[in-house]
Amino acid sequence: MPIFCGDVKCEDFNALRSLVYLSVLELEETINPNKIPF
């Protein structure tokens, strides 16, 4: 299901969202390395 992104390309938006998501996961692992990843 495509997402309407206005003037921004959806590919760029999805890539940025994925990058932010991965950064958050890495940050959580740094804060709590014993946490089991989902």
PDB file of N, CA and C in Angstrom:
ATOM      1  N   MET A   1       0.840  -1.200   0.000  1.00  0.00           N
ATOM      2  CA  MET A   1       0.000   0.000   0.000  1.00  0.00           C
ATOM      3  C   MET A   1       0.876   1.251   0.000  1.00  0.00           C
ATOM      4  N   PRO A   2       0.864   1.980  -1.094  1.00  0.00           N
ATOM      5  CA  PRO A   2       1.717   3.168  -1.210  1.00  0.00           C
ATOM      6  C   PRO A   2       1.281   4.269  -0.248  1.00  0.00           C
ATOM      7  N   ILE A   3       2.232   5.027   0.224  1.00  0.00           N
ATOM      8  CA  ILE A   3       1.941   6.126   1.138  1.00  0.00           C
ATOM      9  C   ILE A   3       2.047   7.451   0.391  1.00  0.00           C
ATOM     10  N   PHE A   4       1.058   8.296   0.561  1.00  0.00           N
ATOM     11  CA  PHE A   4       1.096   9.614  -0.076  1.00  0.00           C
ATOM     12  C   PHE A   4       2.035  10.518   0.701  1.00  0.00           C
ATOM     13  N   CYS A   5       3.074  11.004   0.023  1.00  0.00           N
ATOM     14  CA  CYS A   5       4.124  11.752   0.716  1.00  0.00           C
ATOM     15  C   CYS A   5       4.168  13.219   0.313  1.00  0.00           C
ATOM     16  N   GLY A   6       3.184  13.682  -0.451  1.00  0.00           N
ATOM     17  CA  GLY A   6       3.203  15.080  -0.884  1.00  0.00           C
ATOM     18  C   GLY A   6       4.339  15.327  -1.863  1.00  0.00           C
ATOM     19  N   ASP A   7       5.186  16.319  -1.577  1.00  0.00           N
ATOM     20  CA  ASP A   7       6.277  16.691  -2.470  1.00  0.00           C
ATOM     21  C   ASP A   7       7.497  15.797  -2.305  1.00  0.00           C
ATOM     22  N   VAL A   8       7.509  15.000  -1.245  1.00  0.00           N
ATOM     23  CA  VAL A   8       8.666  14.150  -0.971  1.00  0.00           C
ATOM     24  C   VAL A   8       8.469  12.784  -1.611  1.00  0.00           C
ATOM     25  N   LYS A   9       9.513  12.260  -2.229  1.00  0.00           N
ATOM     26  CA  LYS A   9       9.423  10.934  -2.835  1.00  0.00           C
ATOM     27  C   LYS A   9       9.201   9.893  -1.750  1.00  0.00           C
ATOM     28  N   CYS A  10       8.277   8.974  -1.996  1.00  0.00           N
ATOM     29  CA  CYS A  10       7.980   7.951  -0.993  1.00  0.00           C
ATOM     30  C   CYS A  10       9.192   7.067  -0.728  1.00  0.00           C
ATOM     31  N   GLU A  11      10.013   6.842  -1.749  1.00  0.00           N
ATOM     32  CA  GLU A  11      11.205   6.011  -1.564  1.00  0.00           C
ATOM     33  C   GLU A  11      12.142   6.665  -0.554  1.00  0.00           C
ATOM     34  N   ASP A  12      12.326   7.966  -0.680  1.00  0.00           N
ATOM     35  CA  ASP A  12      13.197   8.689   0.243  1.00  0.00           C
ATOM     36  C   ASP A  12      12.614   8.670   1.648  1.00  0.00           C
ATOM     37  N   PHE A  13      11.293   8.831   1.738  1.00  0.00           N
ATOM     38  CA  PHE A  13      10.633   8.832   3.040  1.00  0.00           C
ATOM     39  C   PHE A  13      10.786   7.479   3.711  1.00  0.00           C
ATOM     40  N   ASN A  14      10.580   6.401   2.957  1.00  0.00           N
ATOM     41  CA  ASN A  14      10.696   5.055   3.520  1.00  0.00           C
ATOM     42  C   ASN A  14      12.124   4.759   3.949  1.00  0.00           C
ATOM     43  N   ALA A  15      13.098   5.213   3.166  1.00  0.00           N
ATOM     44  CA  ALA A  15      14.501   4.991   3.510  1.00  0.00           C
ATOM     45  C   ALA A  15      14.855   5.741   4.796  1.00  0.00           C
ATOM     46  N   LEU A  16      14.370   6.970   4.912  1.00  0.00           N
ATOM     47  CA  LEU A  16      14.646   7.767   6.105  1.00  0.00           C
ATOM     48  C   LEU A  16      13.987   7.141   7.328  1.00  0.00           C
ATOM     49  N   ARG A  17      12.744   6.670   7.148  1.00  0.00           N
ATOM     50  CA  ARG A  17      12.031   6.038   8.258  1.00  0.00           C
ATOM     51  C   ARG A  17      12.756   4.779   8.706  1.00  0.00           C
ATOM     52  N   SER A  18      13.246   3.992   7.742  1.00  0.00           N
ATOM     53  CA  SER A  18      13.975   2.767   8.079  1.00  0.00           C
ATOM     54  C   SER A  18      15.265   3.099   8.821  1.00  0.00           C
ATOM     55  N   LEU A  19      15.951   4.148   8.374  1.00  0.00           N
ATOM     56  CA  LEU A  19      17.205   4.555   9.009  1.00  0.00           C
ATOM     57  C   LEU A  19      16.958   4.985  10.452  1.00  0.00           C
ATOM     58  N   VAL A  20      15.904   5.756  10.669  1.00  0.00           N
ATOM     59  CA  VAL A  20      15.563   6.206  12.022  1.00  0.00           C
ATOM     60  C   VAL A  20      15.207   5.017  12.893  1.00  0.00           C
ATOM     61  N   TYR A  21      14.442   4.071  12.322  1.00  0.00           N
ATOM     62  CA  TYR A  21      14.022   2.887  13.077  1.00  0.00           C
ATOM     63  C   TYR A  21      15.230   2.069  13.521  1.00  0.00           C
ATOM     64  N   LEU A  22      16.174   1.864  12.605  1.00  0.00           N
ATOM     65  CA  LEU A  22      17.378   1.105  12.941  1.00  0.00           C
ATOM     66  C   LEU A  22      18.217   1.847  13.980  1.00  0.00           C
ATOM     67  N   SER A  23      18.270   3.162  13.879  1.00  0.00           N
ATOM     68  CA  SER A  23      19.029   3.955  14.848  1.00  0.00           C
ATOM     69  C   SER A  23      18.426   3.820  16.237  1.00  0.00           C
ATOM     70  N   VAL A  24      17.097   3.796  16.310  1.00  0.00           N
ATOM     71  CA  VAL A  24      16.417   3.640  17.599  1.00  0.00           C
ATOM     72  C   VAL A  24      16.722   2.270  18.185  1.00  0.00           C
ATOM     73  N   LEU A  25      16.718   1.234  17.342  1.00  0.00           N
ATOM     74  CA  LEU A  25      17.021  -0.108  17.830  1.00  0.00           C
ATOM     75  C   LEU A  25      18.446  -0.178  18.375  1.00  0.00           C
ATOM     76  N   GLU A  26      19.386   0.429  17.660  1.00  0.00           N
ATOM     77  CA  GLU A  26      20.776   0.425  18.116  1.00  0.00           C
ATOM     78  C   GLU A  26      20.908   1.193  19.421  1.00  0.00           C
ATOM     79  N   LEU A  27      20.166   2.280  19.553  1.00  0.00           N
ATOM     80  CA  LEU A  27      20.218   3.079  20.774  1.00  0.00           C
ATOM     81  C   LEU A  27      19.676   2.279  21.951  1.00  0.00           C
ATOM     82  N   GLU A  28      18.596   1.538  21.730  1.00  0.00           N
ATOM     83  CA  GLU A  28      18.027   0.718  22.801  1.00  0.00           C
ATOM     84  C   GLU A  28      19.000  -0.378  23.214  1.00  0.00           C
ATOM     85  N   GLU A  29      19.704  -0.963  22.247  1.00  0.00           N
ATOM     86  CA  GLU A  29      20.678  -2.006  22.564  1.00  0.00           C
ATOM     87  C   GLU A  29      21.834  -1.422  23.372  1.00  0.00           C
ATOM     88  N   THR A  30      22.199  -0.185  23.073  1.00  0.00           N
ATOM     89  CA  THR A  30      23.283   0.465  23.807  1.00  0.00           C
ATOM     90  C   THR A  30      22.860   0.745  25.246  1.00  0.00           C
ATOM     91  N   ILE A  31      21.621   1.178  25.414  1.00  0.00           N
ATOM     92  CA  ILE A  31      21.113   1.491  26.755  1.00  0.00           C
ATOM     93  C   ILE A  31      20.890   0.217  27.563  1.00  0.00           C
ATOM     94  N   ASN A  32      20.303  -0.800  26.931  1.00  0.00           N
ATOM     95  CA  ASN A  32      19.984  -2.032  27.647  1.00  0.00           C
ATOM     96  C   ASN A  32      20.388  -3.238  26.803  1.00  0.00           C
ATOM     97  N   PRO A  33      21.667  -3.646  26.847  1.00  0.00           N
ATOM     98  CA  PRO A  33      22.164  -4.746  26.013  1.00  0.00           C
ATOM     99  C   PRO A  33      21.546  -6.097  26.348  1.00  0.00           C
ATOM    100  N   ASN A  34      20.919  -6.227  27.522  1.00  0.00           N
ATOM    101  CA  ASN A  34      20.329  -7.506  27.907  1.00  0.00           C
ATOM    102  C   ASN A  34      18.911  -7.674  27.377  1.00  0.00           C
ATOM    103  N   LYS A  35      18.381  -6.622  26.771  1.00  0.00           N
ATOM    104  CA  LYS A  35      17.023  -6.672  26.232  1.00  0.00           C
ATOM    105  C   LYS A  35      16.962  -7.623  25.047  1.00  0.00           C
ATOM    106  N   ILE A  36      15.924  -8.451  25.008  1.00  0.00           N
ATOM    107  CA  ILE A  36      15.756  -9.384  23.896  1.00  0.00           C
ATOM    108  C   ILE A  36      15.131  -8.642  22.721  1.00  0.00           C
ATOM    109  N   PRO A  37      15.794  -8.617  21.579  1.00  0.00           N
ATOM    110  CA  PRO A  37      15.247  -7.910  20.414  1.00  0.00           C
ATOM    111  C   PRO A  37      14.018  -8.618  19.856  1.00  0.00           C
ATOM    112  N   PHE A  38      13.057  -7.853  19.416  1.00  0.00           N
ATOM    113  CA  PHE A  38      11.864  -8.418  18.808  1.00  0.00           C
ATOM    114  C   PHE A  38      12.075  -8.489  17.311  1.00  0.00           C
TER     115      PHE A  38
END
